[in-house]
PDB file of all heavy atoms in Angstrom:
ATOM      1  N   SER A   1     -33.583  17.450  19.356  1.00  0.00           N
ATOM      2  CA  SER A   1     -33.848  18.475  20.444  1.00  0.00           C
ATOM      3  C   SER A   1     -35.165  18.196  21.045  1.00  0.00           C
ATOM      4  O   SER A   1     -36.004  17.466  20.550  1.00  0.00           O
ATOM      5  CB  SER A   1     -33.697  19.855  19.816  1.00  0.00           C
ATOM      6  OG  SER A   1     -34.734  20.035  18.891  1.00  0.00           O
ATOM      7  N   GLY A   2     -35.348  18.894  22.213  1.00  0.00           N
ATOM      8  CA  GLY A   2     -36.568  18.852  22.943  1.00  0.00           C
ATOM      9  C   GLY A   2     -36.689  18.002  24.173  1.00  0.00           C
ATOM     10  O   GLY A   2     -37.651  17.880  24.854  1.00  0.00           O
ATOM     11  N   GLY A   3     -35.568  17.238  24.462  1.00  0.00           N
ATOM     12  CA  GLY A   3     -35.442  16.454  25.646  1.00  0.00           C
ATOM     13  C   GLY A   3     -35.392  17.382  26.862  1.00  0.00           C
ATOM     14  O   GLY A   3     -35.290  18.557  26.827  1.00  0.00           O
ATOM     15  N   GLY A   4     -35.485  16.609  27.983  1.00  0.00           N
ATOM     16  CA  GLY A   4     -35.397  17.298  29.340  1.00  0.00           C
ATOM     17  C   GLY A   4     -35.975  16.424  30.373  1.00  0.00           C
ATOM     18  O   GLY A   4     -36.070  15.254  30.249  1.00  0.00           O
ATOM     19  N   LEU A   5     -36.054  17.116  31.579  1.00  0.00           N
ATOM     20  CA  LEU A   5     -36.519  16.416  32.772  1.00  0.00           C
ATOM     21  C   LEU A   5     -38.045  16.649  32.852  1.00  0.00           C
ATOM     22  O   LEU A   5     -38.580  17.765  32.970  1.00  0.00           O
ATOM     23  CB  LEU A   5     -35.763  16.953  33.973  1.00  0.00           C
ATOM     24  CG  LEU A   5     -36.273  16.473  35.320  1.00  0.00           C
ATOM     25  CD1 LEU A   5     -36.029  14.972  35.471  1.00  0.00           C
ATOM     26  CD2 LEU A   5     -35.419  17.243  36.492  1.00  0.00           C
ATOM     27  N   VAL A   6     -38.807  15.576  33.088  1.00  0.00           N
ATOM     28  CA  VAL A   6     -40.320  15.639  33.307  1.00  0.00           C
ATOM     29  C   VAL A   6     -40.731  14.651  34.244  1.00  0.00           C
ATOM     30  O   VAL A   6     -40.024  13.636  34.491  1.00  0.00           O
ATOM     31  CB  VAL A   6     -40.890  15.393  31.881  1.00  0.00           C
ATOM     32  CG1 VAL A   6     -40.692  14.053  31.374  1.00  0.00           C
ATOM     33  CG2 VAL A   6     -42.434  15.702  32.059  1.00  0.00           C
ATOM     34  N   GLN A   7     -41.847  14.991  35.059  1.00  0.00           N
ATOM     35  CA  GLN A   7     -42.384  14.092  35.956  1.00  0.00           C
ATOM     36  C   GLN A   7     -43.166  12.988  35.220  1.00  0.00           C
ATOM     37  O   GLN A   7     -43.636  13.133  34.136  1.00  0.00           O
ATOM     38  CB  GLN A   7     -43.237  14.852  36.970  1.00  0.00           C
ATOM     39  CG  GLN A   7     -42.539  15.740  37.754  1.00  0.00           C
ATOM     40  CD  GLN A   7     -43.405  16.467  38.888  1.00  0.00           C
ATOM     41  OE1 GLN A   7     -44.562  16.465  38.756  1.00  0.00           O
ATOM     42  NE2 GLN A   7     -42.842  17.046  39.986  1.00  0.00           N
ATOM     43  N   PRO A   8     -43.372  11.846  35.986  1.00  0.00           N
ATOM     44  CA  PRO A   8     -44.190  10.822  35.291  1.00  0.00           C
ATOM     45  C   PRO A   8     -45.510  11.299  35.001  1.00  0.00           C
ATOM     46  O   PRO A   8     -46.117  12.023  35.856  1.00  0.00           O
ATOM     47  CB  PRO A   8     -44.206   9.812  36.445  1.00  0.00           C
ATOM     48  CG  PRO A   8     -42.929   9.977  37.207  1.00  0.00           C
ATOM     49  CD  PRO A   8     -42.721  11.388  37.204  1.00  0.00           C
ATOM     50  N   GLY A   9     -46.085  10.907  33.902  1.00  0.00           N
ATOM     51  CA  GLY A   9     -47.305  11.413  33.372  1.00  0.00           C
ATOM     52  C   GLY A   9     -47.205  12.610  32.544  1.00  0.00           C
ATOM     53  O   GLY A   9     -48.271  13.060  31.903  1.00  0.00           O
ATOM     54  N   GLY A  10     -46.114  13.272  32.548  1.00  0.00           N
ATOM     55  CA  GLY A  10     -45.861  14.532  31.748  1.00  0.00           C
ATOM     56  C   GLY A  10     -45.615  14.152  30.221  1.00  0.00           C
ATOM     57  O   GLY A  10     -45.722  13.001  29.825  1.00  0.00           O
ATOM     58  N   SER A  11     -45.344  15.234  29.517  1.00  0.00           N
ATOM     59  CA  SER A  11     -45.203  15.204  28.073  1.00  0.00           C
ATOM     60  C   SER A  11     -43.949  16.017  27.661  1.00  0.00           C
ATOM     61  O   SER A  11     -43.459  16.921  28.265  1.00  0.00           O
ATOM     62  CB  SER A  11     -46.464  15.783  27.448  1.00  0.00           C
ATOM     63  OG  SER A  11     -47.567  15.042  27.657  1.00  0.00           O
ATOM     64  N   LEU A  12     -43.392  15.460  26.492  1.00  0.00           N
ATOM     65  CA  LEU A  12     -42.368  16.249  25.840  1.00  0.00           C
ATOM     66  C   LEU A  12     -42.578  16.014  24.419  1.00  0.00           C
ATOM     67  O   LEU A  12     -43.209  15.007  23.917  1.00  0.00           O
ATOM     68  CB  LEU A  12     -40.936  15.552  26.237  1.00  0.00           C
ATOM     69  CG  LEU A  12     -40.428  15.912  27.606  1.00  0.00           C
ATOM     70  CD1 LEU A  12     -39.174  15.091  27.841  1.00  0.00           C
ATOM     71  CD2 LEU A  12     -40.100  17.381  27.723  1.00  0.00           C
ATOM     72  N   ARG A  13     -42.044  16.878  23.563  1.00  0.00           N
ATOM     73  CA  ARG A  13     -42.128  16.943  22.168  1.00  0.00           C
ATOM     74  C   ARG A  13     -40.627  17.005  21.611  1.00  0.00           C
ATOM     75  O   ARG A  13     -39.958  17.971  21.763  1.00  0.00           O
ATOM     76  CB  ARG A  13     -42.881  17.965  21.605  1.00  0.00           C
ATOM     77  CG  ARG A  13     -43.166  17.759  20.088  1.00  0.00           C
ATOM     78  CD  ARG A  13     -43.840  18.991  19.465  1.00  0.00           C
ATOM     79  NE  ARG A  13     -44.315  18.814  18.148  1.00  0.00           N
ATOM     80  CZ  ARG A  13     -44.628  19.794  17.320  1.00  0.00           C
ATOM     81  NH1 ARG A  13     -44.416  21.094  17.552  1.00  0.00           N
ATOM     82  NH2 ARG A  13     -45.212  19.483  16.028  1.00  0.00           N
ATOM     83  N   LEU A  14     -40.212  15.875  20.998  1.00  0.00           N
ATOM     84  CA  LEU A  14     -38.842  15.821  20.431  1.00  0.00           C
ATOM     85  C   LEU A  14     -38.924  16.274  18.956  1.00  0.00           C
ATOM     86  O   LEU A  14     -39.932  16.019  18.275  1.00  0.00           O
ATOM     87  CB  LEU A  14     -38.273  14.536  20.556  1.00  0.00           C
ATOM     88  CG  LEU A  14     -38.226  13.843  21.968  1.00  0.00           C
ATOM     89  CD1 LEU A  14     -37.441  12.581  21.940  1.00  0.00           C
ATOM     90  CD2 LEU A  14     -37.581  14.812  22.924  1.00  0.00           C
ATOM     91  N   SER A  15     -37.821  16.943  18.465  1.00  0.00           N
ATOM     92  CA  SER A  15     -37.689  17.309  17.166  1.00  0.00           C
ATOM     93  C   SER A  15     -36.464  16.730  16.559  1.00  0.00           C
ATOM     94  O   SER A  15     -35.392  16.535  17.170  1.00  0.00           O
ATOM     95  CB  SER A  15     -37.639  18.805  17.014  1.00  0.00           C
ATOM     96  OG  SER A  15     -38.890  19.465  17.413  1.00  0.00           O
ATOM     97  N   CYS A  16     -36.498  16.422  15.278  1.00  0.00           N
ATOM     98  CA  CYS A  16     -35.426  15.831  14.521  1.00  0.00           C
ATOM     99  C   CYS A  16     -35.271  16.760  13.286  1.00  0.00           C
ATOM    100  O   CYS A  16     -36.171  16.898  12.461  1.00  0.00           O
ATOM    101  CB  CYS A  16     -35.702  14.463  14.143  1.00  0.00           C
ATOM    102  SG  CYS A  16     -34.467  13.658  13.039  1.00  0.00           S
ATOM    103  N   THR A  17     -34.162  17.511  13.309  1.00  0.00           N
ATOM    104  CA  THR A  17     -33.897  18.379  12.206  1.00  0.00           C
ATOM    105  C   THR A  17     -32.619  18.072  11.360  1.00  0.00           C
ATOM    106  O   THR A  17     -31.790  17.473  11.910  1.00  0.00           O
ATOM    107  CB  THR A  17     -33.771  19.892  12.684  1.00  0.00           C
ATOM    108  OG1 THR A  17     -32.748  19.882  13.619  1.00  0.00           O
ATOM    109  CG2 THR A  17     -35.123  20.294  13.392  1.00  0.00           C
ATOM    110  N   PRO A  18     -32.638  18.330  10.084  1.00  0.00           N
ATOM    111  CA  PRO A  18     -31.515  17.971   9.270  1.00  0.00           C
ATOM    112  C   PRO A  18     -30.278  18.768   9.598  1.00  0.00           C
ATOM    113  O   PRO A  18     -30.441  19.978   9.917  1.00  0.00           O
ATOM    114  CB  PRO A  18     -31.986  18.061   7.893  1.00  0.00           C
ATOM    115  CG  PRO A  18     -33.026  19.111   7.951  1.00  0.00           C
ATOM    116  CD  PRO A  18     -33.688  18.919   9.295  1.00  0.00           C
ATOM    117  N   SER A  19     -29.091  18.251   9.519  1.00  0.00           N
ATOM    118  CA  SER A  19     -27.927  19.027   9.503  1.00  0.00           C
ATOM    119  C   SER A  19     -27.153  18.883   8.274  1.00  0.00           C
ATOM    120  O   SER A  19     -26.422  17.908   7.987  1.00  0.00           O
ATOM    121  CB  SER A  19     -27.008  18.429  10.655  1.00  0.00           C
ATOM    122  OG  SER A  19     -25.745  19.098  10.758  1.00  0.00           O
ATOM    123  N   GLY A  20     -27.444  19.851   7.314  1.00  0.00           N
ATOM    124  CA  GLY A  20     -26.780  19.840   6.041  1.00  0.00           C
ATOM    125  C   GLY A  20     -27.527  19.018   4.895  1.00  0.00           C
ATOM    126  O   GLY A  20     -27.007  19.067   3.774  1.00  0.00           O
ATOM    127  N   PHE A  21     -28.641  18.504   5.161  1.00  0.00           N
ATOM    128  CA  PHE A  21     -29.509  17.884   4.213  1.00  0.00           C
ATOM    129  C   PHE A  21     -30.916  17.819   4.578  1.00  0.00           C
ATOM    130  O   PHE A  21     -31.249  17.782   5.820  1.00  0.00           O
ATOM    131  CB  PHE A  21     -28.883  16.391   3.942  1.00  0.00           C
ATOM    132  CG  PHE A  21     -29.073  15.494   4.997  1.00  0.00           C
ATOM    133  CD1 PHE A  21     -30.039  14.610   5.212  1.00  0.00           C
ATOM    134  CD2 PHE A  21     -28.067  15.457   6.127  1.00  0.00           C
ATOM    135  CE1 PHE A  21     -30.210  13.765   6.184  1.00  0.00           C
ATOM    136  CE2 PHE A  21     -28.160  14.573   7.147  1.00  0.00           C
ATOM    137  CZ  PHE A  21     -29.360  13.697   7.255  1.00  0.00           C
ATOM    138  N   PRO A  22     -31.849  17.708   3.720  1.00  0.00           N
ATOM    139  CA  PRO A  22     -33.305  17.659   4.012  1.00  0.00           C
ATOM    140  C   PRO A  22     -33.723  16.217   4.346  1.00  0.00           C
ATOM    141  O   PRO A  22     -33.043  15.307   4.022  1.00  0.00           O
ATOM    142  CB  PRO A  22     -34.006  18.159   2.783  1.00  0.00           C
ATOM    143  CG  PRO A  22     -33.059  17.758   1.692  1.00  0.00           C
ATOM    144  CD  PRO A  22     -31.646  17.856   2.226  1.00  0.00           C
ATOM    145  N   LEU A  23     -34.791  16.158   5.092  1.00  0.00           N
ATOM    146  CA  LEU A  23     -35.343  14.786   5.523  1.00  0.00           C
ATOM    147  C   LEU A  23     -36.529  14.478   4.647  1.00  0.00           C
ATOM    148  O   LEU A  23     -37.224  13.467   4.862  1.00  0.00           O
ATOM    149  CB  LEU A  23     -35.813  14.820   7.001  1.00  0.00           C
ATOM    150  CG  LEU A  23     -34.737  15.048   7.998  1.00  0.00           C
ATOM    151  CD1 LEU A  23     -35.313  15.207   9.369  1.00  0.00           C
ATOM    152  CD2 LEU A  23     -33.672  13.954   8.014  1.00  0.00           C
ATOM    153  N   HIS A  24     -36.952  15.302   3.731  1.00  0.00           N
ATOM    154  CA  HIS A  24     -38.226  15.158   2.923  1.00  0.00           C
ATOM    155  C   HIS A  24     -38.339  13.771   2.334  1.00  0.00           C
ATOM    156  O   HIS A  24     -39.406  13.328   2.177  1.00  0.00           O
ATOM    157  CB  HIS A  24     -38.354  16.240   1.873  1.00  0.00           C
ATOM    158  CG  HIS A  24     -38.476  17.575   2.471  1.00  0.00           C
ATOM    159  ND1 HIS A  24     -39.525  18.136   3.154  1.00  0.00           N
ATOM    160  CD2 HIS A  24     -37.517  18.625   2.363  1.00  0.00           C
ATOM    161  CE1 HIS A  24     -39.293  19.299   3.552  1.00  0.00           C
ATOM    162  NE2 HIS A  24     -38.046  19.689   3.148  1.00  0.00           N
ATOM    163  N   TYR A  25     -37.207  13.279   1.762  1.00  0.00           N
ATOM    164  CA  TYR A  25     -37.295  11.986   1.057  1.00  0.00           C
ATOM    165  C   TYR A  25     -36.918  10.811   1.751  1.00  0.00           C
ATOM    166  O   TYR A  25     -36.601   9.766   1.124  1.00  0.00           O
ATOM    167  CB  TYR A  25     -36.425  12.273  -0.294  1.00  0.00           C
ATOM    168  CG  TYR A  25     -36.988  13.348  -1.166  1.00  0.00           C
ATOM    169  CD1 TYR A  25     -36.309  14.510  -1.128  1.00  0.00           C
ATOM    170  CD2 TYR A  25     -38.030  13.195  -2.026  1.00  0.00           C
ATOM    171  CE1 TYR A  25     -36.728  15.612  -1.932  1.00  0.00           C
ATOM    172  CE2 TYR A  25     -38.468  14.149  -2.715  1.00  0.00           C
ATOM    173  CZ  TYR A  25     -37.786  15.401  -2.770  1.00  0.00           C
ATOM    174  OH  TYR A  25     -38.364  16.434  -3.565  1.00  0.00           O
ATOM    175  N   TYR A  26     -36.837  10.899   3.002  1.00  0.00           N
ATOM    176  CA  TYR A  26     -36.395   9.755   3.862  1.00  0.00           C
ATOM    177  C   TYR A  26     -37.416   9.331   4.913  1.00  0.00           C
ATOM    178  O   TYR A  26     -38.093  10.117   5.512  1.00  0.00           O
ATOM    179  CB  TYR A  26     -35.062  10.220   4.571  1.00  0.00           C
ATOM    180  CG  TYR A  26     -34.032  10.532   3.664  1.00  0.00           C
ATOM    181  CD1 TYR A  26     -33.663  11.861   3.533  1.00  0.00           C
ATOM    182  CD2 TYR A  26     -33.238   9.583   3.082  1.00  0.00           C
ATOM    183  CE1 TYR A  26     -32.734  12.227   2.676  1.00  0.00           C
ATOM    184  CE2 TYR A  26     -32.163   9.994   2.124  1.00  0.00           C
ATOM    185  CZ  TYR A  26     -31.916  11.375   1.916  1.00  0.00           C
ATOM    186  OH  TYR A  26     -30.898  11.739   1.168  1.00  0.00           O
ATOM    187  N   ALA A  27     -37.491   7.997   5.098  1.00  0.00           N
ATOM    188  CA  ALA A  27     -38.149   7.458   6.311  1.00  0.00           C
ATOM    189  C   ALA A  27     -37.341   7.792   7.402  1.00  0.00           C
ATOM    190  O   ALA A  27     -36.008   7.631   7.373  1.00  0.00           O
ATOM    191  CB  ALA A  27     -38.501   5.989   6.135  1.00  0.00           C
ATOM    192  N   VAL A  28     -37.937   8.058   8.586  1.00  0.00           N
ATOM    193  CA  VAL A  28     -37.036   8.480   9.757  1.00  0.00           C
ATOM    194  C   VAL A  28     -37.616   7.622  10.952  1.00  0.00           C
ATOM    195  O   VAL A  28     -38.665   7.508  11.096  1.00  0.00           O
ATOM    196  CB  VAL A  28     -37.184   9.973  10.064  1.00  0.00           C
ATOM    197  CG1 VAL A  28     -36.326  10.362  11.394  1.00  0.00           C
ATOM    198  CG2 VAL A  28     -36.606  10.865   8.955  1.00  0.00           C
ATOM    199  N   GLY A  29     -36.530   7.042  11.633  1.00  0.00           N
ATOM    200  CA  GLY A  29     -36.856   6.306  12.860  1.00  0.00           C
ATOM    201  C   GLY A  29     -36.376   7.025  14.235  1.00  0.00           C
ATOM    202  O   GLY A  29     -35.351   7.706  14.183  1.00  0.00           O
ATOM    203  N   TRP A  30     -37.131   6.933  15.239  1.00  0.00           N
ATOM    204  CA  TRP A  30     -36.763   7.389  16.615  1.00  0.00           C
ATOM    205  C   TRP A  30     -36.267   6.155  17.248  1.00  0.00           C
ATOM    206  O   TRP A  30     -36.889   5.088  17.335  1.00  0.00           O
ATOM    207  CB  TRP A  30     -37.819   8.058  17.346  1.00  0.00           C
ATOM    208  CG  TRP A  30     -38.036   9.468  16.855  1.00  0.00           C
ATOM    209  CD1 TRP A  30     -38.943  10.011  16.062  1.00  0.00           C
ATOM    210  CD2 TRP A  30     -37.314  10.578  17.416  1.00  0.00           C
ATOM    211  NE1 TRP A  30     -38.927  11.378  15.973  1.00  0.00           N
ATOM    212  CE2 TRP A  30     -37.929  11.740  16.698  1.00  0.00           C
ATOM    213  CE3 TRP A  30     -36.185  10.739  18.302  1.00  0.00           C
ATOM    214  CZ2 TRP A  30     -37.309  13.078  16.960  1.00  0.00           C
ATOM    215  CZ3 TRP A  30     -35.755  12.014  18.494  1.00  0.00           C
ATOM    216  CH2 TRP A  30     -36.289  13.250  17.802  1.00  0.00           C
ATOM    217  N   PHE A  31     -35.181   6.254  18.014  1.00  0.00           N
ATOM    218  CA  PHE A  31     -34.612   5.218  18.683  1.00  0.00           C
ATOM    219  C   PHE A  31     -34.140   5.739  20.120  1.00  0.00           C
ATOM    220  O   PHE A  31     -34.171   6.979  20.316  1.00  0.00           O
ATOM    221  CB  PHE A  31     -33.301   4.693  18.168  1.00  0.00           C
ATOM    222  CG  PHE A  31     -33.456   4.112  16.596  1.00  0.00           C
ATOM    223  CD1 PHE A  31     -33.510   5.093  15.551  1.00  0.00           C
ATOM    224  CD2 PHE A  31     -33.708   2.872  16.380  1.00  0.00           C
ATOM    225  CE1 PHE A  31     -33.652   4.705  14.369  1.00  0.00           C
ATOM    226  CE2 PHE A  31     -33.838   2.442  15.087  1.00  0.00           C
ATOM    227  CZ  PHE A  31     -33.873   3.293  14.085  1.00  0.00           C
ATOM    228  N   ARG A  32     -33.971   4.846  21.092  1.00  0.00           N
ATOM    229  CA  ARG A  32     -33.557   5.280  22.347  1.00  0.00           C
ATOM    230  C   ARG A  32     -32.676   4.255  23.055  1.00  0.00           C
ATOM    231  O   ARG A  32     -32.733   3.149  22.661  1.00  0.00           O
ATOM    232  CB  ARG A  32     -34.798   5.487  23.358  1.00  0.00           C
ATOM    233  CG  ARG A  32     -35.568   4.259  23.686  1.00  0.00           C
ATOM    234  CD  ARG A  32     -36.845   4.731  24.458  1.00  0.00           C
ATOM    235  NE  ARG A  32     -37.654   3.470  24.856  1.00  0.00           N
ATOM    236  CZ  ARG A  32     -38.869   3.610  25.302  1.00  0.00           C
ATOM    237  NH1 ARG A  32     -39.320   4.816  25.632  1.00  0.00           N
ATOM    238  NH2 ARG A  32     -39.520   2.505  25.716  1.00  0.00           N
ATOM    239  N   GLN A  33     -31.762   4.870  23.887  1.00  0.00           N
ATOM    240  CA  GLN A  33     -30.842   3.986  24.611  1.00  0.00           C
ATOM    241  C   GLN A  33     -30.829   4.421  26.063  1.00  0.00           C
ATOM    242  O   GLN A  33     -30.426   5.477  26.377  1.00  0.00           O
ATOM    243  CB  GLN A  33     -29.508   4.045  23.914  1.00  0.00           C
ATOM    244  CG  GLN A  33     -28.524   3.079  24.618  1.00  0.00           C
ATOM    245  CD  GLN A  33     -27.226   2.847  23.793  1.00  0.00           C
ATOM    246  OE1 GLN A  33     -26.795   3.786  23.083  1.00  0.00           O
ATOM    247  NE2 GLN A  33     -26.528   1.748  24.023  1.00  0.00           N
TER     248      GLN A  33
END
């Protein structure tokens, strides 16, 4: 979550939350396409 439309030079903060399980014990990667 956290995506949106932003002008060049702007900022956004994305969040990754678990669905049915915790993330505490996992390394997590962000990817984009």
